[in-house]
Amino acid sequence: MEILQVILIVILILLCITLTALAVYSIFVLKDVKETLEDAKEVSKTIRRLSNYVVAPVAMVSSLMGGVVKGLSAVKSISSIFNEDEEEEE
């Protein structure tokens, strides 16, 4: 064999080894990315759960306050009707 053929075979072998190492490294990187995304998914679920725990009581308090405001306006309306009747009698 000529020296050129030997050099080309050595370069081809080195290229194959390099590409194999790159493929193995890529597999490990993709595995790490998958684990990171799974952890981010868990964090997202936890945050969603916690926000639901906060939103539900706030919504209940908001509706309770709305009911109190409506009740107070009804009491004011009724008391103003009685006050008008008392003023007409005087």
PDB file of N, CA and C in Angstrom:
ATOM      1  N   MET A   1       0.849  -1.177   0.000  1.00  0.00           N
ATOM      2  CA  MET A   1       0.000   0.000   0.000  1.00  0.00           C
ATOM      3  C   MET A   1       0.891   1.236   0.000  1.00  0.00           C
ATOM      4  N   GLU A   2       0.337   2.214  -0.599  1.00  0.00           N
ATOM      5  CA  GLU A   2       1.071   3.459  -0.640  1.00  0.00           C
ATOM      6  C   GLU A   2       0.871   4.242   0.652  1.00  0.00           C
ATOM      7  N   ILE A   3       1.712   5.183   0.884  1.00  0.00           N
ATOM      8  CA  ILE A   3       1.641   6.010   2.095  1.00  0.00           C
ATOM      9  C   ILE A   3       0.359   6.829   2.129  1.00  0.00           C
ATOM     10  N   LEU A   4      -0.121   7.281   0.964  1.00  0.00           N
ATOM     11  CA  LEU A   4      -1.345   8.069   0.892  1.00  0.00           C
ATOM     12  C   LEU A   4      -2.550   7.244   1.348  1.00  0.00           C
ATOM     13  N   GLN A   5      -2.620   5.985   0.932  1.00  0.00           N
ATOM     14  CA  GLN A   5      -3.720   5.114   1.342  1.00  0.00           C
ATOM     15  C   GLN A   5      -3.691   4.870   2.848  1.00  0.00           C
ATOM     16  N   VAL A   6      -2.520   4.691   3.407  1.00  0.00           N
ATOM     17  CA  VAL A   6      -2.389   4.477   4.845  1.00  0.00           C
ATOM     18  C   VAL A   6      -2.855   5.718   5.601  1.00  0.00           C
ATOM     19  N   ILE A   7      -2.451   6.894   5.134  1.00  0.00           N
ATOM     20  CA  ILE A   7      -2.864   8.147   5.788  1.00  0.00           C
ATOM     21  C   ILE A   7      -4.375   8.302   5.705  1.00  0.00           C
ATOM     22  N   LEU A   8      -4.963   8.022   4.562  1.00  0.00           N
ATOM     23  CA  LEU A   8      -6.413   8.133   4.408  1.00  0.00           C
ATOM     24  C   LEU A   8      -7.162   7.142   5.311  1.00  0.00           C
ATOM     25  N   ILE A   9      -6.667   5.940   5.444  1.00  0.00           N
ATOM     26  CA  ILE A   9      -7.298   4.945   6.322  1.00  0.00           C
ATOM     27  C   ILE A   9      -7.204   5.397   7.778  1.00  0.00           C
ATOM     28  N   VAL A  10      -6.054   5.905   8.186  1.00  0.00           N
ATOM     29  CA  VAL A  10      -5.893   6.401   9.561  1.00  0.00           C
ATOM     30  C   VAL A  10      -6.845   7.567   9.809  1.00  0.00           C
ATOM     31  N   ILE A  11      -6.948   8.487   8.858  1.00  0.00           N
ATOM     32  CA  ILE A  11      -7.865   9.626   9.005  1.00  0.00           C
ATOM     33  C   ILE A  11      -9.306   9.139   9.069  1.00  0.00           C
ATOM     34  N   LEU A  12      -9.658   8.163   8.256  1.00  0.00           N
ATOM     35  CA  LEU A  12     -11.017   7.604   8.267  1.00  0.00           C
ATOM     36  C   LEU A  12     -11.325   6.940   9.601  1.00  0.00           C
ATOM     37  N   ILE A  13     -10.385   6.208  10.147  1.00  0.00           N
ATOM     38  CA  ILE A  13     -10.583   5.567  11.453  1.00  0.00           C
ATOM     39  C   ILE A  13     -10.744   6.622  12.546  1.00  0.00           C
ATOM     40  N   LEU A  14      -9.899   7.653  12.531  1.00  0.00           N
ATOM     41  CA  LEU A  14     -10.009   8.731  13.517  1.00  0.00           C
ATOM     42  C   LEU A  14     -11.347   9.456  13.385  1.00  0.00           C
ATOM     43  N   LEU A  15     -11.804   9.654  12.164  1.00  0.00           N
ATOM     44  CA  LEU A  15     -13.088  10.308  11.936  1.00  0.00           C
ATOM     45  C   LEU A  15     -14.234   9.459  12.481  1.00  0.00           C
ATOM     46  N   CYS A  16     -14.182   8.171  12.268  1.00  0.00           N
ATOM     47  CA  CYS A  16     -15.220   7.274  12.790  1.00  0.00           C
ATOM     48  C   CYS A  16     -15.225   7.275  14.319  1.00  0.00           C
ATOM     49  N   ILE A  17     -14.044   7.243  14.925  1.00  0.00           N
ATOM     50  CA  ILE A  17     -13.954   7.277  16.385  1.00  0.00           C
ATOM     51  C   ILE A  17     -14.514   8.599  16.916  1.00  0.00           C
ATOM     52  N   THR A  18     -14.177   9.696  16.261  1.00  0.00           N
ATOM     53  CA  THR A  18     -14.656  11.006  16.690  1.00  0.00           C
ATOM     54  C   THR A  18     -16.178  11.101  16.566  1.00  0.00           C
ATOM     55  N   LEU A  19     -16.715  10.636  15.461  1.00  0.00           N
ATOM     56  CA  LEU A  19     -18.168  10.670  15.270  1.00  0.00           C
ATOM     57  C   LEU A  19     -18.890   9.772  16.275  1.00  0.00           C
ATOM     58  N   THR A  20     -18.316   8.642  16.606  1.00  0.00           N
ATOM     59  CA  THR A  20     -18.911   7.757  17.608  1.00  0.00           C
ATOM     60  C   THR A  20     -18.905   8.427  18.976  1.00  0.00           C
ATOM     61  N   ALA A  21     -17.783   9.054  19.328  1.00  0.00           N
ATOM     62  CA  ALA A  21     -17.701   9.761  20.612  1.00  0.00           C
ATOM     63  C   ALA A  21     -18.709  10.907  20.643  1.00  0.00           C
ATOM     64  N   LEU A  22     -18.857  11.621  19.551  1.00  0.00           N
ATOM     65  CA  LEU A  22     -19.822  12.717  19.467  1.00  0.00           C
ATOM     66  C   LEU A  22     -21.251  12.201  19.622  1.00  0.00           C
ATOM     67  N   ALA A  23     -21.555  11.068  19.024  1.00  0.00           N
ATOM     68  CA  ALA A  23     -22.889  10.484  19.142  1.00  0.00           C
ATOM     69  C   ALA A  23     -23.180  10.082  20.589  1.00  0.00           C
ATOM     70  N   VAL A  24     -22.199   9.458  21.247  1.00  0.00           N
ATOM     71  CA  VAL A  24     -22.381   9.057  22.649  1.00  0.00           C
ATOM     72  C   VAL A  24     -22.560  10.282  23.531  1.00  0.00           C
ATOM     73  N   TYR A  25     -21.760  11.318  23.301  1.00  0.00           N
ATOM     74  CA  TYR A  25     -21.881  12.556  24.075  1.00  0.00           C
ATOM     75  C   TYR A  25     -23.243  13.199  23.852  1.00  0.00           C
ATOM     76  N   SER A  26     -23.723  13.191  22.605  1.00  0.00           N
ATOM     77  CA  SER A  26     -25.044  13.758  22.301  1.00  0.00           C
ATOM     78  C   SER A  26     -26.146  13.006  23.027  1.00  0.00           C
ATOM     79  N   ILE A  27     -26.016  11.709  23.126  1.00  0.00           N
ATOM     80  CA  ILE A  27     -27.014  10.905  23.844  1.00  0.00           C
ATOM     81  C   ILE A  27     -27.035  11.303  25.312  1.00  0.00           C
ATOM     82  N   PHE A  28     -25.876  11.473  25.923  1.00  0.00           N
ATOM     83  CA  PHE A  28     -25.826  11.886  27.330  1.00  0.00           C
ATOM     84  C   PHE A  28     -26.407  13.284  27.527  1.00  0.00           C
ATOM     85  N   VAL A  29     -26.117  14.184  26.596  1.00  0.00           N
ATOM     86  CA  VAL A  29     -26.656  15.544  26.699  1.00  0.00           C
ATOM     87  C   VAL A  29     -28.179  15.507  26.581  1.00  0.00           C
ATOM     88  N   LEU A  30     -28.695  14.747  25.638  1.00  0.00           N
ATOM     89  CA  LEU A  30     -30.149  14.647  25.478  1.00  0.00           C
ATOM     90  C   LEU A  30     -30.808  14.021  26.707  1.00  0.00           C
ATOM     91  N   LYS A  31     -30.131  13.078  27.336  1.00  0.00           N
ATOM     92  CA  LYS A  31     -30.658  12.474  28.555  1.00  0.00           C
ATOM     93  C   LYS A  31     -30.739  13.520  29.666  1.00  0.00           C
ATOM     94  N   ASP A  32     -29.705  14.337  29.797  1.00  0.00           N
ATOM     95  CA  ASP A  32     -29.712  15.401  30.800  1.00  0.00           C
ATOM     96  C   ASP A  32     -30.799  16.434  30.513  1.00  0.00           C
ATOM     97  N   VAL A  33     -30.981  16.761  29.239  1.00  0.00           N
ATOM     98  CA  VAL A  33     -32.032  17.714  28.866  1.00  0.00           C
ATOM     99  C   VAL A  33     -33.406  17.148  29.223  1.00  0.00           C
ATOM    100  N   LYS A  34     -33.595  15.876  28.981  1.00  0.00           N
ATOM    101  CA  LYS A  34     -34.870  15.224  29.308  1.00  0.00           C
ATOM    102  C   LYS A  34     -35.138  15.294  30.815  1.00  0.00           C
ATOM    103  N   GLU A  35     -34.112  14.989  31.618  1.00  0.00           N
ATOM    104  CA  GLU A  35     -34.276  15.049  33.074  1.00  0.00           C
ATOM    105  C   GLU A  35     -34.579  16.469  33.536  1.00  0.00           C
ATOM    106  N   THR A  36     -33.918  17.445  32.935  1.00  0.00           N
ATOM    107  CA  THR A  36     -34.152  18.842  33.299  1.00  0.00           C
ATOM    108  C   THR A  36     -35.573  19.251  32.952  1.00  0.00           C
ATOM    109  N   LEU A  37     -36.050  18.852  31.795  1.00  0.00           N
ATOM    110  CA  LEU A  37     -37.423  19.178  31.395  1.00  0.00           C
ATOM    111  C   LEU A  37     -38.453  18.496  32.295  1.00  0.00           C
ATOM    112  N   GLU A  38     -38.150  17.274  32.721  1.00  0.00           N
ATOM    113  CA  GLU A  38     -39.062  16.591  33.641  1.00  0.00           C
ATOM    114  C   GLU A  38     -39.112  17.319  34.987  1.00  0.00           C
ATOM    115  N   ASP A  39     -37.955  17.787  35.457  1.00  0.00           N
ATOM    116  CA  ASP A  39     -37.926  18.560  36.704  1.00  0.00           C
ATOM    117  C   ASP A  39     -38.690  19.872  36.550  1.00  0.00           C
ATOM    118  N   ALA A  40     -38.530  20.527  35.410  1.00  0.00           N
ATOM    119  CA  ALA A  40     -39.261  21.774  35.162  1.00  0.00           C
ATOM    120  C   ALA A  40     -40.759  21.519  35.111  1.00  0.00           C
ATOM    121  N   LYS A  41     -41.146  20.379  34.580  1.00  0.00           N
ATOM    122  CA  LYS A  41     -42.567  20.014  34.530  1.00  0.00           C
ATOM    123  C   LYS A  41     -43.115  19.834  35.941  1.00  0.00           C
ATOM    124  N   GLU A  42     -42.351  19.186  36.804  1.00  0.00           N
ATOM    125  CA  GLU A  42     -42.769  19.003  38.194  1.00  0.00           C
ATOM    126  C   GLU A  42     -42.888  20.342  38.917  1.00  0.00           C
ATOM    127  N   VAL A  43     -41.930  21.222  38.671  1.00  0.00           N
ATOM    128  CA  VAL A  43     -41.979  22.560  39.295  1.00  0.00           C
ATOM    129  C   VAL A  43     -43.220  23.304  38.815  1.00  0.00           C
ATOM    130  N   SER A  44     -43.504  23.184  37.522  1.00  0.00           N
ATOM    131  CA  SER A  44     -44.690  23.844  36.964  1.00  0.00           C
ATOM    132  C   SER A  44     -45.968  23.301  37.602  1.00  0.00           C
ATOM    133  N   LYS A  45     -46.041  22.004  37.792  1.00  0.00           N
ATOM    134  CA  LYS A  45     -47.218  21.408  38.438  1.00  0.00           C
ATOM    135  C   LYS A  45     -47.349  21.907  39.873  1.00  0.00           C
ATOM    136  N   THR A  46     -46.231  21.986  40.578  1.00  0.00           N
ATOM    137  CA  THR A  46     -46.259  22.453  41.960  1.00  0.00           C
ATOM    138  C   THR A  46     -46.706  23.904  42.038  1.00  0.00           C
ATOM    139  N   ILE A  47     -46.190  24.738  41.150  1.00  0.00           N
ATOM    140  CA  ILE A  47     -46.586  26.147  41.142  1.00  0.00           C
ATOM    141  C   ILE A  47     -48.066  26.277  40.812  1.00  0.00           C
ATOM    142  N   ARG A  48     -48.554  25.502  39.862  1.00  0.00           N
ATOM    143  CA  ARG A  48     -49.974  25.544  39.505  1.00  0.00           C
ATOM    144  C   ARG A  48     -50.834  25.133  40.705  1.00  0.00           C
ATOM    145  N   ARG A  49     -50.403  24.089  41.413  1.00  0.00           N
ATOM    146  CA  ARG A  49     -51.146  23.620  42.582  1.00  0.00           C
ATOM    147  C   ARG A  49     -51.169  24.697  43.676  1.00  0.00           C
ATOM    148  N   LEU A  50     -50.020  25.311  43.921  1.00  0.00           N
ATOM    149  CA  LEU A  50     -49.940  26.358  44.944  1.00  0.00           C
ATOM    150  C   LEU A  50     -50.773  27.572  44.566  1.00  0.00           C
ATOM    151  N   SER A  51     -50.750  27.941  43.292  1.00  0.00           N
ATOM    152  CA  SER A  51     -51.552  29.095  42.875  1.00  0.00           C
ATOM    153  C   SER A  51     -53.034  28.792  43.012  1.00  0.00           C
ATOM    154  N   ASN A  52     -53.434  27.552  42.771  1.00  0.00           N
ATOM    155  CA  ASN A  52     -54.843  27.190  42.977  1.00  0.00           C
ATOM    156  C   ASN A  52     -55.217  27.261  44.457  1.00  0.00           C
ATOM    157  N   TYR A  53     -54.286  26.903  45.329  1.00  0.00           N
ATOM    158  CA  TYR A  53     -54.557  27.004  46.759  1.00  0.00           C
ATOM    159  C   TYR A  53     -54.736  28.462  47.185  1.00  0.00           C
ATOM    160  N   VAL A  54     -54.063  29.375  46.510  1.00  0.00           N
ATOM    161  CA  VAL A  54     -54.170  30.795  46.852  1.00  0.00           C
ATOM    162  C   VAL A  54     -55.392  31.417  46.183  1.00  0.00           C
ATOM    163  N   VAL A  55     -55.639  31.060  44.932  1.00  0.00           N
ATOM    164  CA  VAL A  55     -56.722  31.686  44.167  1.00  0.00           C
ATOM    165  C   VAL A  55     -58.088  31.313  44.727  1.00  0.00           C
ATOM    166  N   ALA A  56     -58.285  30.087  45.122  1.00  0.00           N
ATOM    167  CA  ALA A  56     -59.603  29.657  45.595  1.00  0.00           C
ATOM    168  C   ALA A  56     -60.055  30.458  46.828  1.00  0.00           C
ATOM    169  N   PRO A  57     -59.247  30.602  47.866  1.00  0.00           N
ATOM    170  CA  PRO A  57     -59.696  31.405  49.008  1.00  0.00           C
ATOM    171  C   PRO A  57     -59.892  32.880  48.654  1.00  0.00           C
ATOM    172  N   VAL A  58     -59.052  33.420  47.793  1.00  0.00           N
ATOM    173  CA  VAL A  58     -59.202  34.821  47.407  1.00  0.00           C
ATOM    174  C   VAL A  58     -60.513  35.009  46.656  1.00  0.00           C
ATOM    175  N   ALA A  59     -60.860  34.077  45.798  1.00  0.00           N
ATOM    176  CA  ALA A  59     -62.123  34.156  45.068  1.00  0.00           C
ATOM    177  C   ALA A  59     -63.299  34.050  46.034  1.00  0.00           C
ATOM    178  N   MET A  60     -63.166  33.195  47.034  1.00  0.00           N
ATOM    179  CA  MET A  60     -64.241  33.061  48.018  1.00  0.00           C
ATOM    180  C   MET A  60     -64.402  34.357  48.814  1.00  0.00           C
ATOM    181  N   VAL A  61     -63.299  34.955  49.215  1.00  0.00           N
ATOM    182  CA  VAL A  61     -63.362  36.211  49.963  1.00  0.00           C
ATOM    183  C   VAL A  61     -63.953  37.306  49.085  1.00  0.00           C
ATOM    184  N   SER A  62     -63.592  37.307  47.826  1.00  0.00           N
ATOM    185  CA  SER A  62     -64.117  38.308  46.894  1.00  0.00           C
ATOM    186  C   SER A  62     -65.628  38.165  46.750  1.00  0.00           C
ATOM    187  N   SER A  63     -66.106  36.944  46.585  1.00  0.00           N
ATOM    188  CA  SER A  63     -67.549  36.750  46.458  1.00  0.00           C
ATOM    189  C   SER A  63     -68.252  37.062  47.779  1.00  0.00           C
ATOM    190  N   LEU A  64     -67.596  36.762  48.897  1.00  0.00           N
ATOM    191  CA  LEU A  64     -68.165  37.094  50.206  1.00  0.00           C
ATOM    192  C   LEU A  64     -68.285  38.603  50.361  1.00  0.00           C
ATOM    193  N   MET A  65     -67.253  39.328  49.963  1.00  0.00           N
ATOM    194  CA  MET A  65     -67.298  40.789  50.051  1.00  0.00           C
ATOM    195  C   MET A  65     -68.369  41.357  49.123  1.00  0.00           C
ATOM    196  N   GLY A  66     -68.525  40.762  47.955  1.00  0.00           N
ATOM    197  CA  GLY A  66     -69.590  41.186  47.045  1.00  0.00           C
ATOM    198  C   GLY A  66     -70.955  40.991  47.673  1.00  0.00           C
ATOM    199  N   GLY A  67     -71.136  39.866  48.356  1.00  0.00           N
ATOM    200  CA  GLY A  67     -72.396  39.603  49.046  1.00  0.00           C
ATOM    201  C   GLY A  67     -72.629  40.594  50.177  1.00  0.00           C
ATOM    202  N   VAL A  68     -71.573  40.924  50.907  1.00  0.00           N
ATOM    203  CA  VAL A  68     -71.704  41.896  52.001  1.00  0.00           C
ATOM    204  C   VAL A  68     -72.083  43.264  51.448  1.00  0.00           C
ATOM    205  N   VAL A  69     -71.464  43.668  50.354  1.00  0.00           N
ATOM    206  CA  VAL A  69     -71.779  44.965  49.748  1.00  0.00           C
ATOM    207  C   VAL A  69     -73.230  44.991  49.290  1.00  0.00           C
ATOM    208  N   LYS A  70     -73.687  43.934  48.652  1.00  0.00           N
ATOM    209  CA  LYS A  70     -75.086  43.870  48.215  1.00  0.00           C
ATOM    210  C   LYS A  70     -76.029  43.897  49.404  1.00  0.00           C
ATOM    211  N   GLY A  71     -75.661  43.179  50.454  1.00  0.00           N
ATOM    212  CA  GLY A  71     -76.494  43.182  51.665  1.00  0.00           C
ATOM    213  C   GLY A  71     -76.563  44.564  52.286  1.00  0.00           C
ATOM    214  N   LEU A  72     -75.434  45.256  52.354  1.00  0.00           N
ATOM    215  CA  LEU A  72     -75.428  46.612  52.912  1.00  0.00           C
ATOM    216  C   LEU A  72     -76.249  47.577  52.069  1.00  0.00           C
ATOM    217  N   SER A  73     -76.170  47.431  50.753  1.00  0.00           N
ATOM    218  CA  SER A  73     -76.970  48.311  49.899  1.00  0.00           C
ATOM    219  C   SER A  73     -78.454  48.002  50.070  1.00  0.00           C
ATOM    220  N   ALA A  74     -78.808  46.740  50.284  1.00  0.00           N
ATOM    221  CA  ALA A  74     -80.207  46.396  50.522  1.00  0.00           C
ATOM    222  C   ALA A  74     -80.667  46.982  51.859  1.00  0.00           C
ATOM    223  N   VAL A  75     -79.830  46.910  52.881  1.00  0.00           N
ATOM    224  CA  VAL A  75     -80.181  47.478  54.189  1.00  0.00           C
ATOM    225  C   VAL A  75     -80.343  48.987  54.072  1.00  0.00           C
ATOM    226  N   LYS A  76     -79.461  49.643  53.332  1.00  0.00           N
ATOM    227  CA  LYS A  76     -79.570  51.092  53.144  1.00  0.00           C
ATOM    228  C   LYS A  76     -80.853  51.444  52.406  1.00  0.00           C
ATOM    229  N   SER A  77     -81.202  50.650  51.405  1.00  0.00           N
ATOM    230  CA  SER A  77     -82.439  50.910  50.665  1.00  0.00           C
ATOM    231  C   SER A  77     -83.655  50.775  51.580  1.00  0.00           C
ATOM    232  N   ILE A  78     -83.658  49.729  52.367  1.00  0.00           N
ATOM    233  CA  ILE A  78     -84.791  49.502  53.276  1.00  0.00           C
ATOM    234  C   ILE A  78     -84.842  50.598  54.331  1.00  0.00           C
ATOM    235  N   SER A  79     -83.685  50.959  54.876  1.00  0.00           N
ATOM    236  CA  SER A  79     -83.685  52.007  55.905  1.00  0.00           C
ATOM    237  C   SER A  79     -84.066  53.358  55.312  1.00  0.00           C
ATOM    238  N   SER A  80     -83.697  53.616  54.059  1.00  0.00           N
ATOM    239  CA  SER A  80     -84.101  54.885  53.448  1.00  0.00           C
ATOM    240  C   SER A  80     -85.605  54.908  53.211  1.00  0.00           C
ATOM    241  N   ILE A  81     -86.204  53.780  52.915  1.00  0.00           N
ATOM    242  CA  ILE A  81     -87.670  53.722  52.763  1.00  0.00           C
ATOM    243  C   ILE A  81     -88.329  54.044  54.097  1.00  0.00           C
ATOM    244  N   PHE A  82     -87.836  53.466  55.187  1.00  0.00           N
ATOM    245  CA  PHE A  82     -88.415  53.745  56.501  1.00  0.00           C
ATOM    246  C   PHE A  82     -88.172  55.194  56.910  1.00  0.00           C
ATOM    247  N   ASN A  83     -87.000  55.738  56.573  1.00  0.00           N
ATOM    248  CA  ASN A  83     -86.695  57.133  56.903  1.00  0.00           C
ATOM    249  C   ASN A  83     -87.608  58.085  56.135  1.00  0.00           C
ATOM    250  N   GLU A  84     -87.939  57.767  54.887  1.00  0.00           N
ATOM    251  CA  GLU A  84     -88.849  58.604  54.107  1.00  0.00           C
ATOM    252  C   GLU A  84     -90.248  58.571  54.725  1.00  0.00           C
ATOM    253  N   ASP A  85     -90.682  57.394  55.186  1.00  0.00           N
ATOM    254  CA  ASP A  85     -91.999  57.275  55.806  1.00  0.00           C
ATOM    255  C   ASP A  85     -92.058  58.083  57.094  1.00  0.00           C
ATOM    256  N   GLU A  86     -90.981  58.075  57.881  1.00  0.00           N
ATOM    257  CA  GLU A  86     -90.950  58.824  59.119  1.00  0.00           C
ATOM    258  C   GLU A  86     -90.957  60.322  58.871  1.00  0.00           C
ATOM    259  N   GLU A  87     -90.254  60.759  57.795  1.00  0.00           N
ATOM    260  CA  GLU A  87     -90.217  62.179  57.478  1.00  0.00           C
ATOM    261  C   GLU A  87     -91.571  62.674  56.981  1.00  0.00           C
ATOM    262  N   GLU A  88     -92.307  61.829  56.263  1.00  0.00           N
ATOM    263  CA  GLU A  88     -93.624  62.220  55.770  1.00  0.00           C
ATOM    264  C   GLU A  88     -94.610  62.328  56.922  1.00  0.00           C
ATOM    265  N   GLU A  89     -94.465  61.510  57.946  1.00  0.00           N
ATOM    266  CA  GLU A  89     -95.377  61.563  59.095  1.00  0.00           C
ATOM    267  C   GLU A  89     -95.157  62.821  59.917  1.00  0.00           C
ATOM    268  N   GLU A  90     -93.967  63.332  59.909  1.00  0.00           N
ATOM    269  CA  GLU A  90     -93.672  64.506  60.726  1.00  0.00           C
ATOM    270  C   GLU A  90     -94.101  65.716  60.026  1.00  0.00           C
TER     271      GLU A  90
END
